[in-house]
Amino acid sequence: MADTIEKLLEDSIEIDAPAEKVWALVTDIPAMSKRSPQVVKSTVKGGVVKQGAKFRNLNKQGIKRWPTNGKVVRFQAPTDSSVGEFAFRISENWTVWSFELQPTASGGTRLTERREAPDGVSKVSQVLTKLILGGQAPFTAELRAGIRQTLEKIKAEAEAA
């Protein structure tokens, strides 16, 4: 059971800021290192975040560092009446990370961050997680905590004057 890979990790937060402002934060890939406890640095190829954009991350766990490559697979800005979604797929482990932005009646935003593994997780990633990152269960707990921390940092930044 300890090596079970959860197909879906998610958490949500209510933000007292318009969806357009939150959208600008979640789609700023280079700034994600300020928000995500796992990301050290992100660089977008060509510098423009859009559908199909590719980027490279340097991730961390303690003193350990590893690179990953992402590609934006969904890029739909929110409107006053529609949900927005920003998602990217990590090529090394096949996971899809996403942010869903739901405008609220009060003018704020309900932000949901997800990590999905619709095709499972690559064998290479499974082995590295087991041997280097402490095992699937502890690493999954770390990812859950990181999702919460990322949402809280986005909320604080969006609500700042």
Protein backbone atom coordinates (compact mmCIF):
# COMPACT_ATOMS: atom_id res chain seq x y z
CA MET A 1 0.00 0.00 0.00
CA ALA A 2 2.89 2.39 0.73
CA ASP A 3 3.91 2.33 -2.94
CA THR A 4 0.41 3.13 -4.22
CA ILE A 5 0.37 6.10 -6.58
CA GLU A 6 -2.59 8.39 -6.08
CA LYS A 7 -4.09 9.38 -9.43
CA LEU A 8 -5.39 12.70 -8.07
CA LEU A 9 -4.09 15.18 -5.51
CA GLU A 10 -6.00 18.44 -5.14
CA ASP A 11 -6.81 21.30 -2.84
CA SER A 12 -8.73 24.58 -3.17
CA ILE A 13 -8.71 28.02 -1.61
CA GLU A 14 -10.97 31.08 -1.72
CA ILE A 15 -9.17 34.24 -2.80
CA ASP A 16 -10.52 37.75 -2.35
CA ALA A 17 -9.21 38.94 -5.73
CA PRO A 18 -10.61 38.82 -9.27
CA ALA A 19 -9.88 35.78 -11.41
CA GLU A 20 -7.87 37.88 -13.90
CA LYS A 21 -5.41 38.83 -11.15
CA VAL A 22 -5.11 35.23 -9.95
CA TRP A 23 -4.68 34.08 -13.59
CA ALA A 24 -1.70 36.39 -14.01
CA LEU A 25 -0.06 34.77 -10.97
CA VAL A 26 -0.66 31.11 -11.79
CA THR A 27 0.48 31.49 -15.40
CA ASP A 28 3.72 33.23 -14.40
CA ILE A 29 5.85 30.08 -14.58
CA PRO A 30 9.18 31.83 -13.86
CA ALA A 31 7.75 33.21 -10.59
CA MET A 32 6.53 29.81 -9.38
CA SER A 33 9.73 29.36 -7.38
CA LYS A 34 8.37 32.06 -5.01
CA ARG A 35 5.19 30.04 -4.46
CA SER A 36 5.99 26.33 -4.71
CA PRO A 37 8.25 24.79 -2.06
CA GLN A 38 9.58 22.26 -4.60
CA VAL A 39 10.52 24.64 -7.42
CA VAL A 40 13.94 26.30 -7.37
CA LYS A 41 13.80 27.88 -10.83
CA SER A 42 11.68 27.74 -14.00
CA THR A 43 12.61 28.96 -17.46
CA VAL A 44 10.11 29.22 -20.33
CA LYS A 45 11.46 28.50 -23.81
CA GLY A 46 10.91 31.69 -25.82
CA GLY A 47 9.80 33.51 -22.66
CA VAL A 48 6.05 33.48 -23.46
CA VAL A 49 3.61 31.33 -21.49
CA LYS A 50 0.83 30.11 -23.80
CA GLN A 51 -0.76 26.91 -25.09
CA GLY A 52 2.05 24.56 -26.15
CA ALA A 53 4.81 26.54 -24.40
CA LYS A 54 7.67 24.44 -23.05
CA PHE A 55 9.61 25.11 -19.89
CA ARG A 56 12.28 23.63 -17.67
CA ASN A 57 12.13 23.40 -13.88
CA LEU A 58 14.81 22.80 -11.33
CA ASN A 59 13.13 21.08 -8.37
CA LYS A 60 14.32 20.36 -4.85
CA GLN A 61 13.85 18.24 -1.79
CA GLY A 62 16.26 19.26 0.93
CA ILE A 63 19.72 19.29 -0.70
CA LYS A 64 18.57 17.10 -3.62
CA ARG A 65 17.98 18.78 -6.98
CA TRP A 66 16.54 17.45 -10.27
CA PRO A 67 15.35 18.95 -13.55
CA THR A 68 11.97 18.40 -15.19
CA ASN A 69 10.49 19.52 -18.49
CA GLY A 70 6.94 20.77 -18.84
CA LYS A 71 4.58 21.64 -21.65
CA VAL A 72 1.44 23.77 -21.32
CA VAL A 73 -1.48 21.56 -22.34
CA ARG A 74 -4.44 23.77 -21.35
CA PHE A 75 -4.49 27.56 -21.37
CA GLN A 76 -7.98 29.02 -21.02
CA ALA A 77 -8.21 32.37 -19.25
CA PRO A 78 -11.22 32.87 -16.98
CA THR A 79 -13.99 35.31 -17.86
CA ASP A 80 -16.75 36.82 -15.73
CA SER A 81 -18.94 33.83 -16.58
CA SER A 82 -16.52 30.99 -17.27
CA VAL A 83 -13.94 28.92 -15.45
CA GLY A 84 -10.29 29.30 -16.43
CA GLU A 85 -7.75 26.52 -16.52
CA PHE A 86 -3.99 26.43 -16.81
CA ALA A 87 -2.37 22.99 -17.02
CA PHE A 88 1.00 21.53 -17.89
CA ARG A 89 2.35 18.01 -18.32
CA ILE A 90 5.71 16.96 -16.91
CA SER A 91 7.44 14.73 -19.46
CA GLU A 92 9.64 12.78 -17.03
CA ASN A 93 6.84 11.42 -14.85
CA TRP A 94 3.75 11.94 -17.08
CA THR A 95 1.82 13.90 -14.42
CA VAL A 96 -0.42 16.84 -15.26
CA TRP A 97 -0.46 19.81 -12.90
CA SER A 98 -3.30 22.30 -13.21
CA PHE A 99 -4.90 25.37 -11.74
CA GLU A 100 -8.66 25.89 -12.13
CA LEU A 101 -10.00 29.40 -11.52
CA GLN A 102 -13.69 29.76 -10.74
CA PRO A 103 -14.96 33.35 -10.45
CA THR A 104 -17.21 33.75 -7.39
CA ALA A 105 -20.38 35.82 -6.99
CA SER A 106 -18.53 38.15 -4.61
CA GLY A 107 -15.92 39.04 -7.25
CA GLY A 108 -13.28 36.71 -5.85
CA THR A 109 -11.84 33.45 -7.12
CA ARG A 110 -11.98 29.85 -6.03
CA LEU A 111 -8.58 28.43 -7.01
CA THR A 112 -8.03 24.68 -7.23
CA GLU A 113 -4.62 23.12 -7.79
CA ARG A 114 -4.43 19.52 -9.00
CA ARG A 115 -1.80 16.91 -9.70
CA GLU A 116 -3.23 14.17 -11.86
CA ALA A 117 -1.66 10.97 -13.11
CA PRO A 118 -4.14 9.92 -15.83
CA ASP A 119 -1.54 7.62 -17.45
CA GLY A 120 0.03 6.55 -14.18
CA VAL A 121 3.55 7.62 -13.29
CA SER A 122 6.58 6.59 -15.33
CA LYS A 123 8.60 3.63 -14.03
CA VAL A 124 11.71 5.80 -13.92
CA SER A 125 9.92 8.29 -11.68
CA GLN A 126 8.58 5.50 -9.47
CA VAL A 127 12.06 4.06 -8.96
CA LEU A 128 13.65 7.46 -8.29
CA THR A 129 10.87 8.35 -5.83
CA LYS A 130 11.45 5.09 -3.97
CA LEU A 131 15.25 5.22 -3.95
CA ILE A 132 16.00 8.94 -3.70
CA LEU A 133 12.92 10.91 -2.59
CA GLY A 134 11.90 8.81 0.42
CA GLY A 135 9.21 6.57 -1.06
CA GLN A 136 5.79 7.13 -2.59
CA ALA A 137 3.77 7.74 0.61
CA PRO A 138 6.12 10.34 2.14
CA PHE A 139 6.65 12.05 -1.23
CA THR A 140 2.89 12.19 -1.84
CA ALA A 141 2.41 13.76 1.60
CA GLU A 142 5.09 16.28 0.69
CA LEU A 143 3.31 17.08 -2.59
CA ARG A 144 -0.02 17.58 -0.76
CA ALA A 145 1.61 19.97 1.70
CA GLY A 146 3.30 21.77 -1.20
CA ILE A 147 0.00 22.23 -3.02
CA ARG A 148 -1.48 23.81 0.11
CA GLN A 149 1.54 26.08 0.58
CA THR A 150 1.43 27.14 -3.08
CA LEU A 151 -2.29 28.02 -2.84
CA GLU A 152 -1.73 30.02 0.35
CA LYS A 153 1.15 31.98 -1.20
CA ILE A 154 -0.90 32.75 -4.33
CA LYS A 155 -3.79 33.90 -2.11
CA ALA A 156 -1.49 36.19 -0.07
CA GLU A 157 0.07 37.65 -3.20
CA ALA A 158 -3.28 38.16 -4.96
CA GLU A 159 -4.85 39.82 -1.93
CA ALA A 160 -1.92 42.13 -1.24
CA ALA A 161 -2.61 45.78 -1.98
